[in-house]
Protein backbone atom coordinates (compact mmCIF):
# COMPACT_ATOMS: atom_id res chain seq x y z
CA MET A 1 -46.47 98.13 167.59
CA ASN A 2 -49.06 96.71 165.32
CA GLN A 3 -48.99 93.58 163.43
CA GLN A 4 -48.32 94.83 160.05
CA LEU A 5 -45.33 96.86 161.38
CA LEU A 6 -44.06 94.17 163.14
CA GLY A 7 -43.97 92.03 159.83
CA LYS A 8 -42.13 94.46 158.07
CA GLU A 9 -39.46 94.83 160.54
CA GLU A 10 -38.96 90.90 160.76
CA TRP A 11 -38.89 90.84 157.05
CA PHE A 12 -36.24 93.56 156.88
CA LYS A 13 -34.08 91.85 159.39
CA LYS A 14 -34.12 88.65 157.45
CA LYS A 15 -33.41 90.03 154.46
CA LEU A 16 -30.41 92.21 155.19
CA ARG A 17 -26.81 90.07 154.53
CA ASN A 18 -24.21 90.81 156.74
CA ASP A 19 -26.38 94.38 157.57
CA PHE A 20 -26.91 95.15 154.07
CA LEU A 21 -30.09 95.17 152.12
CA ILE A 22 -29.49 93.24 149.04
CA PHE A 23 -32.48 93.98 146.17
CA ASP A 24 -33.27 91.27 143.51
CA LYS A 25 -31.24 92.01 140.40
CA GLY A 26 -32.24 94.89 138.48
CA GLU A 27 -34.92 96.12 141.24
CA PHE A 28 -32.40 98.67 142.76
CA PRO A 29 -34.30 102.21 143.21
CA ALA A 30 -33.04 104.19 140.16
CA PHE A 31 -31.72 107.43 141.88
CA THR A 32 -29.71 108.32 138.69
CA ASN A 33 -30.75 105.87 136.20
CA THR A 34 -27.22 105.05 135.50
CA GLY A 35 -25.27 101.84 136.16
CA TYR A 36 -24.27 103.40 139.59
CA ASP A 37 -27.50 102.66 141.27
CA SER A 38 -26.94 99.41 143.01
CA VAL A 39 -23.65 101.06 144.31
CA LEU A 40 -25.38 104.55 145.88
CA PHE A 41 -28.21 102.10 147.86
CA GLY A 42 -24.98 99.79 149.15
CA ILE A 43 -23.20 103.56 149.83
CA ILE A 44 -26.31 104.78 151.76
CA ASN A 45 -26.77 101.27 153.68
CA SER A 46 -23.11 101.19 154.59
CA ALA A 47 -23.39 104.88 156.10
CA TYR A 48 -25.89 103.34 158.49
CA ILE A 49 -23.97 100.71 159.48
CA LYS A 50 -20.97 103.17 160.06
CA LYS A 51 -23.16 104.98 162.41
CA ASN A 52 -24.34 101.96 163.81
CA ASN A 53 -27.90 103.33 163.03
CA LEU A 54 -29.67 100.36 161.10
CA ASP A 55 -32.97 101.07 163.25
CA SER A 56 -33.10 104.62 161.22
CA PHE A 57 -32.36 102.96 157.90
CA PHE A 58 -35.40 100.52 158.49
CA LYS A 59 -37.53 103.80 159.60
CA ALA A 60 -36.82 105.54 156.52
CA LEU A 61 -37.98 102.51 153.82
CA GLU A 62 -40.85 101.35 156.07
CA PRO A 63 -43.44 103.46 153.97
CA PHE A 64 -42.39 101.64 150.82
CA ILE A 65 -42.33 97.91 152.37
CA ASN A 66 -45.58 96.21 151.22
CA PHE A 67 -47.20 93.02 151.38
CA ASP A 68 -47.55 91.34 147.65
CA ASP A 69 -50.29 89.02 147.76
CA GLY A 70 -49.21 87.64 144.21
CA LYS A 71 -45.94 86.93 145.82
CA ASN A 72 -47.09 86.10 149.56
CA LYS A 73 -44.25 88.11 151.06
CA PHE A 74 -43.00 91.59 151.62
CA VAL A 75 -41.39 93.84 148.91
CA ILE A 76 -40.20 97.28 148.55
CA ASP A 77 -41.85 99.41 145.89
CA SER A 78 -38.66 100.37 144.20
CA LYS A 79 -40.63 102.24 141.55
CA ARG A 80 -41.38 104.85 144.18
CA THR A 81 -37.57 105.92 143.47
CA GLU A 82 -38.19 110.08 144.49
CA GLU A 83 -40.16 109.29 147.56
CA ILE A 84 -37.51 106.85 148.54
CA LYS A 85 -34.72 109.30 147.61
CA GLU A 86 -36.43 111.80 149.99
CA SER A 87 -37.07 110.15 153.05
CA LEU A 88 -33.30 108.58 153.00
CA SER A 89 -31.94 112.07 152.20
CA ASP A 90 -33.91 113.53 155.43
CA ASP A 91 -31.31 111.45 157.69
CA ARG A 92 -28.17 113.04 155.72
CA ILE A 93 -26.59 109.65 156.96
CA LEU A 94 -23.74 110.57 154.80
CA SER A 95 -22.92 113.76 156.48
CA GLY A 96 -18.90 113.40 157.36
CA LEU A 97 -18.08 110.55 155.62
CA THR A 98 -15.71 110.91 152.78
CA VAL A 99 -16.40 108.77 149.34
CA PHE A 100 -13.78 108.17 146.78
CA GLU A 101 -14.07 107.05 143.26
CA LEU A 102 -11.32 106.45 140.96
CA ASN A 103 -12.24 107.37 137.32
CA PRO A 104 -15.80 108.37 137.83
CA LYS A 105 -17.90 107.91 134.66
CA GLU A 106 -20.32 111.36 135.09
CA THR A 107 -21.18 113.19 137.84
CA SER A 108 -24.89 112.79 138.62
CA HIS A 109 -23.95 109.99 141.38
CA LEU A 110 -21.39 112.22 143.25
CA GLU A 111 -24.06 115.17 143.49
CA PHE A 112 -26.31 112.96 144.79
CA LEU A 113 -23.86 111.85 147.52
CA GLU A 114 -23.03 115.39 148.23
CA GLY A 115 -26.95 115.89 148.74
CA MET A 116 -26.98 113.20 151.38
CA GLY A 117 -23.78 115.04 153.39
CA ALA A 118 -20.78 112.99 151.79
CA VAL A 119 -17.50 114.88 151.49
CA ILE A 120 -16.04 114.44 147.83
CA PRO A 121 -12.36 115.15 147.50
CA GLN A 122 -11.91 117.62 145.02
CA GLU A 123 -9.60 115.32 142.66
CA VAL A 124 -12.76 112.94 142.44
CA MET A 125 -15.00 115.84 140.85
CA ASN A 126 -11.90 116.91 138.60
CA ASN A 127 -11.61 113.59 137.50
CA SER A 128 -7.94 114.48 137.61
CA ILE A 129 -6.39 111.02 138.24
CA PRO A 130 -4.90 109.42 135.15
CA ILE A 131 -5.51 105.68 134.72
CA LEU A 132 -3.70 105.09 131.36
CA GLY A 133 -0.87 106.42 130.25
CA GLU A 134 2.56 106.74 131.23
CA LYS A 135 1.54 108.83 134.23
CA ALA A 136 -1.13 106.45 135.41
CA ILE A 137 -1.74 105.80 138.78
CA LYS A 138 -0.18 102.68 140.10
CA LEU A 139 1.26 101.34 143.36
CA ASN A 140 4.45 102.77 142.65
CA ASN A 141 3.48 106.31 142.32
CA TRP A 142 -0.33 106.34 143.96
CA ASN A 143 0.61 108.43 146.97
CA GLU A 144 1.79 111.10 144.38
CA TYR A 145 -2.15 111.59 143.49
CA ILE A 146 -3.87 110.54 146.80
CA LYS A 147 -3.19 111.81 150.25
CA GLY A 148 -5.78 110.52 152.55
CA LYS A 149 -7.59 107.83 153.68
CA TYR A 150 -11.63 107.44 152.86
CA ASP A 151 -14.64 106.19 154.87
CA ILE A 152 -16.30 104.76 151.56
CA THR A 153 -14.01 103.91 148.06
CA ILE A 154 -15.78 102.85 144.86
CA SER A 155 -15.31 101.95 141.25
CA ASN A 156 -17.73 101.42 138.53
CA GLY A 157 -16.32 99.49 135.44
CA LEU A 158 -12.67 100.00 136.02
CA MET A 159 -11.78 96.67 137.19
CA ASP A 160 -12.53 95.35 133.70
CA GLU A 161 -10.82 93.88 130.54
CA ASN A 162 -10.96 97.36 128.65
CA SER A 163 -9.88 99.42 131.28
CA GLY A 164 -7.96 99.94 134.35
CA ILE A 165 -4.33 100.54 134.66
CA ARG A 166 -2.31 98.74 131.64
CA TYR A 167 1.46 99.08 131.31
CA ASN A 168 4.14 97.27 130.10
CA ASN A 169 2.72 93.64 129.22
CA HIS A 170 0.55 93.16 132.61
CA SER A 171 -2.53 91.21 131.94
CA ALA A 172 -6.03 93.06 133.26
CA VAL A 173 -6.34 90.76 135.93
CA PHE A 174 -2.72 92.00 137.11
CA SER A 175 -3.90 95.48 136.33
CA ALA A 176 -7.07 95.27 138.32
CA PHE A 177 -5.49 93.45 141.31
CA GLU A 178 -3.08 96.42 141.44
CA LEU A 179 -5.62 98.74 141.22
CA TYR A 180 -7.52 96.81 144.28
CA THR A 181 -4.29 97.39 146.37
CA ILE A 182 -4.55 101.11 145.68
CA PHE A 183 -8.41 100.87 146.82
CA ALA A 184 -7.59 98.77 150.03
CA ASN A 185 -4.48 101.41 150.99
CA ILE A 186 -6.92 104.26 150.66
CA THR A 187 -9.83 102.99 152.70
CA LYS A 188 -10.06 103.54 156.37
CA LYS A 189 -9.99 100.54 158.87
CA ASN A 190 -13.76 99.82 159.03
CA GLY A 191 -14.64 101.24 155.76
CA PHE A 192 -16.19 99.87 152.67
CA SER A 193 -14.86 99.69 149.36
CA PHE A 194 -17.75 98.86 146.57
CA HIS A 195 -16.66 97.66 143.00
CA SER A 196 -19.32 97.08 139.94
CA ASN A 197 -19.78 96.21 136.18
CA GLY A 198 -16.21 94.71 135.84
CA SER A 199 -14.94 91.08 134.64
CA GLN A 200 -12.56 90.81 137.65
CA ILE A 201 -15.45 91.02 140.34
CA SER A 202 -15.66 87.67 142.27
CA SER A 203 -15.70 86.33 145.32
CA LEU A 204 -13.19 83.62 143.93
CA TYR A 205 -10.64 86.24 144.85
CA GLU A 206 -11.44 86.13 148.57
CA THR A 207 -8.26 84.72 149.49
CA TYR A 208 -6.13 87.50 147.31
CA PHE A 209 -8.40 90.30 149.21
CA GLN A 210 -7.28 88.94 152.59
CA PHE A 211 -3.67 89.50 151.95
CA ILE A 212 -4.38 93.66 151.33
CA GLY A 213 -6.92 93.85 154.20
CA PHE A 214 -10.28 93.39 152.61
CA LYS A 215 -12.79 91.17 153.67
CA VAL A 216 -15.56 90.14 150.83
CA ILE A 217 -18.83 91.28 152.78
CA GLU A 218 -21.47 90.49 149.85
CA TYR A 219 -21.16 89.72 145.75
CA PHE A 220 -24.39 89.96 144.10
CA ARG A 221 -25.59 90.22 140.17
CA ASN A 222 -27.34 94.18 140.19
CA SER A 223 -28.75 93.45 136.64
CA ASP A 224 -28.48 91.09 133.81
CA GLY A 225 -25.50 91.06 131.81
CA GLN A 226 -22.16 89.79 131.35
CA PHE A 227 -20.21 91.98 134.08
CA ASN A 228 -23.30 93.27 135.91
CA PHE A 229 -22.30 92.08 139.30
CA THR A 230 -21.41 94.58 142.53
CA MET A 231 -18.83 93.35 145.14
CA ILE A 232 -19.07 95.09 148.64
CA MET A 233 -15.77 94.77 150.89
CA LYS A 234 -14.44 96.13 154.27
CA LYS A 235 -11.15 97.17 155.06
CA ILE A 236 -10.45 95.34 158.32
CA ASN A 237 -7.18 96.61 159.34
CA GLU A 238 -4.55 99.08 158.64
CA GLN A 239 -2.56 97.23 156.20
CA VAL A 240 -0.65 99.25 153.46
CA SER A 241 0.81 97.46 150.47
CA ASP A 242 3.57 98.46 148.60
CA TYR A 243 4.54 97.12 144.70
CA ASN A 244 6.93 94.66 146.08
CA ARG A 245 4.43 93.24 148.51
CA PHE A 246 2.03 93.03 145.82
CA PHE A 247 3.75 91.55 143.38
CA TYR A 248 5.01 88.57 145.72
CA THR A 249 1.57 88.06 147.02
CA TYR A 250 -0.08 88.02 143.24
CA THR A 251 2.71 85.97 142.03
CA GLU A 252 2.50 83.56 144.56
CA LEU A 253 -1.34 82.97 144.24
CA LYS A 254 -0.91 82.87 140.40
CA ARG A 255 1.52 80.06 141.46
CA ARG A 256 -1.26 78.29 142.79
CA TRP A 257 -4.39 79.08 140.90
CA PRO A 258 -2.72 79.66 137.27
CA THR A 259 -6.05 79.91 135.38
CA ARG A 260 -7.63 81.90 138.09
CA TYR A 261 -5.22 84.84 138.15
CA GLY A 262 -4.59 84.77 134.35
CA ASN A 263 -1.51 84.77 131.91
């Protein structure tokens, strides 16, 4: 192996955080030119992790890793979007993996993942699960809408002040954490859950996530802006929580940290 390739591989390994390659903010390859791009790259990365094949992840990215003289370090040329997309697509690393999103904003990212082999449930493509109103999905009825568990679960802009399941007089924080509990229930053990662009996304809530079986893997700013963060979590057990367990846990944590868990 030549010295240049060795340098790239060493840089790649040092750049990984918990096996995830995290770009500087705003530098993710623009696979769809939407707010999903940081999530898409993370999903692809997670598939290489699940299949214990980070070596192939490096091989797919290696042609786009160049030494930047001005920065005096290796960087990935994220502007070569189509070439990166083609190189990653060749592996079809998502083959056989199920990907679930609640309330997708559009479908181009789902079609992109399908093209890499992902299995997308029909209710996701149809966007047929309500998140508002009397029949909105919540912990008392989630298994009426969702029958399976998935390798990868995602949300984009859902854990937000202005969206999510809002009923009775519950706060946005309460509603978001009820949603997180649903996501924990439907994510397979050792699967990954990704959440972007929401005001209730923070590593500060790590204690809560542990109670529902999630471990926070990474939390990072994916672009400039008020809510432009992404959080990656891993489901570490078979925990399934009902509303009573959720309410007790949330209420107890709110008692300990009232400013963190809202009104």
